């Protein structure tokens, strides 16, 4: 898991958040605002070696859950780690969420079908971007 966190995670997350507000409605956490949290997913005991990520049991339910979090405004960005050739690494992924506390993030994870089923394990870090661009990210290829 540590190697995932060291793979340019902060640079990647900073690029994703370019132009995004770092505080909910301009309020600090102490005033009832939200914080940003980075969740790094690694393979768990339910992961089937040699099976592509898209065919792992529970991935569809995980994707549906992520889509719901996105629609609710909790999930800012998320997706699998990729190799330089554009293929999925099959080692996990990352998501950035807005939440009022670490406890709220833990509740979000506790309801994730991929965590429940042991497909993924997660590491949570509270994050405050110090640098960001005002321009949006270029489109993905």
C-alpha atoms as a PDB file:
ATOM      1  CA  UNK A   1       0.000   0.000   0.000  1.00  0.00           C
ATOM      2  CA  UNK A   2       2.834   2.395   0.801  1.00  0.00           C
ATOM      3  CA  UNK A   3       4.197   2.090  -2.719  1.00  0.00           C
ATOM      4  CA  UNK A   4       0.818   3.225  -4.077  1.00  0.00           C
ATOM      5  CA  UNK A   5       0.879   6.300  -1.877  1.00  0.00           C
ATOM      6  CA  UNK A   6       4.366   7.200  -3.073  1.00  0.00           C
ATOM      7  CA  UNK A   7       3.569   7.019  -6.797  1.00  0.00           C
ATOM      8  CA  UNK A   8       2.944  10.672  -7.347  1.00  0.00           C
ATOM      9  CA  UNK A   9      -0.315  10.495  -5.437  1.00  0.00           C
ATOM     10  CA  UNK A  10      -0.170  14.097  -4.314  1.00  0.00           C
ATOM     11  CA  UNK A  11       0.773  15.368  -7.781  1.00  0.00           C
ATOM     12  CA  UNK A  12      -2.046  13.338  -9.311  1.00  0.00           C
ATOM     13  CA  UNK A  13      -4.585  14.537  -6.797  1.00  0.00           C
ATOM     14  CA  UNK A  14      -3.434  18.134  -7.171  1.00  0.00           C
ATOM     15  CA  UNK A  15      -3.961  17.929 -10.917  1.00  0.00           C
ATOM     16  CA  UNK A  16      -7.442  16.508 -10.405  1.00  0.00           C
ATOM     17  CA  UNK A  17      -8.402  19.344  -8.113  1.00  0.00           C
ATOM     18  CA  UNK A  18      -7.227  22.135 -10.383  1.00  0.00           C
ATOM     19  CA  UNK A  19      -9.794  24.861 -10.158  1.00  0.00           C
ATOM     20  CA  UNK A  20     -11.861  23.095  -7.471  1.00  0.00           C
ATOM     21  CA  UNK A  21     -12.717  24.935  -4.260  1.00  0.00           C
ATOM     22  CA  UNK A  22     -10.780  23.649  -1.285  1.00  0.00           C
ATOM     23  CA  UNK A  23     -13.453  24.664   1.247  1.00  0.00           C
ATOM     24  CA  UNK A  24     -17.167  24.057   1.160  1.00  0.00           C
ATOM     25  CA  UNK A  25     -18.948  27.341   0.515  1.00  0.00           C
ATOM     26  CA  UNK A  26     -15.866  29.232   1.712  1.00  0.00           C
ATOM     27  CA  UNK A  27     -16.219  27.983   5.307  1.00  0.00           C
ATOM     28  CA  UNK A  28     -13.493  26.352   7.346  1.00  0.00           C
ATOM     29  CA  UNK A  29     -13.998  22.953   8.952  1.00  0.00           C
ATOM     30  CA  UNK A  30     -14.264  24.634  12.349  1.00  0.00           C
ATOM     31  CA  UNK A  31     -17.212  26.619  10.973  1.00  0.00           C
ATOM     32  CA  UNK A  32     -19.000  23.467   9.782  1.00  0.00           C
ATOM     33  CA  UNK A  33     -17.351  23.233   6.357  1.00  0.00           C
ATOM     34  CA  UNK A  34     -15.866  20.201   4.703  1.00  0.00           C
ATOM     35  CA  UNK A  35     -12.368  18.858   4.257  1.00  0.00           C
ATOM     36  CA  UNK A  36     -10.836  16.893   1.413  1.00  0.00           C
ATOM     37  CA  UNK A  37      -9.736  13.315   1.940  1.00  0.00           C
ATOM     38  CA  UNK A  38      -7.710  11.075  -0.344  1.00  0.00           C
ATOM     39  CA  UNK A  39      -8.496   7.380  -0.249  1.00  0.00           C
ATOM     40  CA  UNK A  40      -5.924   5.076  -1.780  1.00  0.00           C
ATOM     41  CA  UNK A  41      -7.255   1.604  -2.580  1.00  0.00           C
ATOM     42  CA  UNK A  42      -5.065  -1.476  -2.675  1.00  0.00           C
ATOM     43  CA  UNK A  43      -5.965  -5.076  -3.307  1.00  0.00           C
ATOM     44  CA  UNK A  44      -7.531  -6.913  -0.389  1.00  0.00           C
ATOM     45  CA  UNK A  45      -7.900 -10.557   0.584  1.00  0.00           C
ATOM     46  CA  UNK A  46     -10.854 -10.997  -1.804  1.00  0.00           C
ATOM     47  CA  UNK A  47      -8.816  -9.937  -4.861  1.00  0.00           C
ATOM     48  CA  UNK A  48      -8.431 -12.732  -7.433  1.00  0.00           C
ATOM     49  CA  UNK A  49      -4.907 -12.755  -8.837  1.00  0.00           C
ATOM     50  CA  UNK A  50      -4.758 -12.869 -12.633  1.00  0.00           C
ATOM     51  CA  UNK A  51      -8.319 -11.580 -13.043  1.00  0.00           C
ATOM     52  CA  UNK A  52      -8.613  -8.110 -14.651  1.00  0.00           C
ATOM     53  CA  UNK A  53     -10.018  -5.383 -12.409  1.00  0.00           C
ATOM     54  CA  UNK A  54     -13.165  -5.051 -14.502  1.00  0.00           C
ATOM     55  CA  UNK A  55     -13.930  -8.741 -13.927  1.00  0.00           C
ATOM     56  CA  UNK A  56     -13.259  -8.875 -10.211  1.00  0.00           C
ATOM     57  CA  UNK A  57     -16.310  -9.912  -8.183  1.00  0.00           C
ATOM     58  CA  UNK A  58     -17.934  -6.849  -6.679  1.00  0.00           C
ATOM     59  CA  UNK A  59     -16.456  -4.271  -9.087  1.00  0.00           C
ATOM     60  CA  UNK A  60     -19.820  -3.487 -10.667  1.00  0.00           C
ATOM     61  CA  UNK A  61     -21.384  -2.808  -7.269  1.00  0.00           C
ATOM     62  CA  UNK A  62     -18.331  -0.715  -6.306  1.00  0.00           C
ATOM     63  CA  UNK A  63     -18.694   1.327  -9.513  1.00  0.00           C
ATOM     64  CA  UNK A  64     -22.396   1.871  -8.884  1.00  0.00           C
ATOM     65  CA  UNK A  65     -21.623   3.010  -5.344  1.00  0.00           C
ATOM     66  CA  UNK A  66     -18.967   5.436  -6.609  1.00  0.00           C
ATOM     67  CA  UNK A  67     -21.457   6.816  -9.156  1.00  0.00           C
ATOM     68  CA  UNK A  68     -23.960   7.415  -6.349  1.00  0.00           C
ATOM     69  CA  UNK A  69     -21.342   9.210  -4.227  1.00  0.00           C
ATOM     70  CA  UNK A  70     -20.486  11.356  -7.255  1.00  0.00           C
ATOM     71  CA  UNK A  71     -24.151  12.214  -7.864  1.00  0.00           C
ATOM     72  CA  UNK A  72     -24.484  13.194  -4.187  1.00  0.00           C
ATOM     73  CA  UNK A  73     -21.490  15.532  -4.481  1.00  0.00           C
ATOM     74  CA  UNK A  74     -19.346  13.542  -2.009  1.00  0.00           C
ATOM     75  CA  UNK A  75     -16.926  12.118  -4.589  1.00  0.00           C
ATOM     76  CA  UNK A  76     -14.842  14.667  -6.443  1.00  0.00           C
ATOM     77  CA  UNK A  77     -12.802  12.224  -8.521  1.00  0.00           C
ATOM     78  CA  UNK A  78     -11.932   8.558  -8.504  1.00  0.00           C
ATOM     79  CA  UNK A  79     -10.572   5.787 -10.668  1.00  0.00           C
ATOM     80  CA  UNK A  80      -8.024   3.024 -11.120  1.00  0.00           C
ATOM     81  CA  UNK A  81      -4.280   3.435 -11.216  1.00  0.00           C
ATOM     82  CA  UNK A  82      -3.022   3.214 -14.795  1.00  0.00           C
ATOM     83  CA  UNK A  83       0.206   2.150 -16.461  1.00  0.00           C
ATOM     84  CA  UNK A  84       1.979   4.515 -18.855  1.00  0.00           C
ATOM     85  CA  UNK A  85       0.488   2.611 -21.820  1.00  0.00           C
ATOM     86  CA  UNK A  86      -3.025   3.412 -20.555  1.00  0.00           C
ATOM     87  CA  UNK A  87      -3.854  -0.065 -19.245  1.00  0.00           C
ATOM     88  CA  UNK A  88      -5.170  -0.534 -15.737  1.00  0.00           C
ATOM     89  CA  UNK A  89      -2.460  -1.579 -13.310  1.00  0.00           C
ATOM     90  CA  UNK A  90      -4.786  -3.864 -11.394  1.00  0.00           C
ATOM     91  CA  UNK A  91      -3.328  -2.666  -8.094  1.00  0.00           C
ATOM     92  CA  UNK A  92      -6.125  -0.430  -6.904  1.00  0.00           C
ATOM     93  CA  UNK A  93      -7.060   3.174  -7.340  1.00  0.00           C
ATOM     94  CA  UNK A  94      -7.713   6.501  -5.719  1.00  0.00           C
ATOM     95  CA  UNK A  95     -10.644   8.674  -4.815  1.00  0.00           C
ATOM     96  CA  UNK A  96     -10.953  12.201  -3.480  1.00  0.00           C
ATOM     97  CA  UNK A  97     -13.965  12.916  -1.303  1.00  0.00           C
ATOM     98  CA  UNK A  98     -15.407  15.898   0.492  1.00  0.00           C
ATOM     99  CA  UNK A  99     -16.485  15.107   4.032  1.00  0.00           C
ATOM    100  CA  UNK A 100     -17.027  16.855   7.332  1.00  0.00           C
ATOM    101  CA  UNK A 101     -14.768  14.430   9.232  1.00  0.00           C
ATOM    102  CA  UNK A 102     -12.639  11.308   9.048  1.00  0.00           C
ATOM    103  CA  UNK A 103     -15.528   9.469  10.724  1.00  0.00           C
ATOM    104  CA  UNK A 104     -17.757  10.380   7.775  1.00  0.00           C
ATOM    105  CA  UNK A 105     -15.129   9.028   5.369  1.00  0.00           C
ATOM    106  CA  UNK A 106     -14.952   5.808   7.398  1.00  0.00           C
ATOM    107  CA  UNK A 107     -18.752   5.498   7.075  1.00  0.00           C
ATOM    108  CA  UNK A 108     -18.476   5.991   3.316  1.00  0.00           C
ATOM    109  CA  UNK A 109     -15.871   3.241   3.116  1.00  0.00           C
ATOM    110  CA  UNK A 110     -17.818   0.920   5.421  1.00  0.00           C
ATOM    111  CA  UNK A 111     -20.702   0.994   2.912  1.00  0.00           C
ATOM    112  CA  UNK A 112     -18.494   0.360  -0.158  1.00  0.00           C
ATOM    113  CA  UNK A 113     -19.240  -3.110  -1.569  1.00  0.00           C
ATOM    114  CA  UNK A 114     -15.572  -3.559  -2.569  1.00  0.00           C
ATOM    115  CA  UNK A 115     -14.444  -2.941   1.015  1.00  0.00           C
ATOM    116  CA  UNK A 116     -17.216  -5.083   2.490  1.00  0.00           C
ATOM    117  CA  UNK A 117     -16.318  -7.954   0.156  1.00  0.00           C
ATOM    118  CA  UNK A 118     -12.577  -7.680   0.801  1.00  0.00           C
ATOM    119  CA  UNK A 119     -11.789  -6.777  -2.806  1.00  0.00           C
ATOM    120  CA  UNK A 120     -10.035  -3.604  -1.674  1.00  0.00           C
ATOM    121  CA  UNK A 121      -8.430  -2.241   1.437  1.00  0.00           C
ATOM    122  CA  UNK A 122      -8.240   1.516   1.869  1.00  0.00           C
ATOM    123  CA  UNK A 123      -5.889   4.058   3.360  1.00  0.00           C
ATOM    124  CA  UNK A 124      -7.386   7.453   4.250  1.00  0.00           C
ATOM    125  CA  UNK A 125      -5.447  10.722   4.389  1.00  0.00           C
ATOM    126  CA  UNK A 126      -6.833  14.168   5.069  1.00  0.00           C
ATOM    127  CA  UNK A 127      -5.508  16.528   2.422  1.00  0.00           C
ATOM    128  CA  UNK A 128      -5.232  20.256   1.971  1.00  0.00           C
ATOM    129  CA  UNK A 129      -3.914  21.381  -1.420  1.00  0.00           C
ATOM    130  CA  UNK A 130      -1.357  24.139  -1.165  1.00  0.00           C
ATOM    131  CA  UNK A 131      -0.912  24.580  -4.905  1.00  0.00           C
ATOM    132  CA  UNK A 132      -3.484  24.356  -7.651  1.00  0.00           C
ATOM    133  CA  UNK A 133      -4.141  25.754 -11.088  1.00  0.00           C
ATOM    134  CA  UNK A 134      -7.203  27.778 -11.923  1.00  0.00           C
ATOM    135  CA  UNK A 135      -7.502  26.211 -15.387  1.00  0.00           C
ATOM    136  CA  UNK A 136      -9.460  22.975 -15.825  1.00  0.00           C
ATOM    137  CA  UNK A 137      -7.648  19.736 -16.596  1.00  0.00           C
ATOM    138  CA  UNK A 138      -7.202  18.790 -20.231  1.00  0.00           C
ATOM    139  CA  UNK A 139      -9.443  15.910 -21.412  1.00  0.00           C
ATOM    140  CA  UNK A 140      -8.393  12.321 -20.695  1.00  0.00           C
ATOM    141  CA  UNK A 141      -7.349  10.074 -23.547  1.00  0.00           C
END
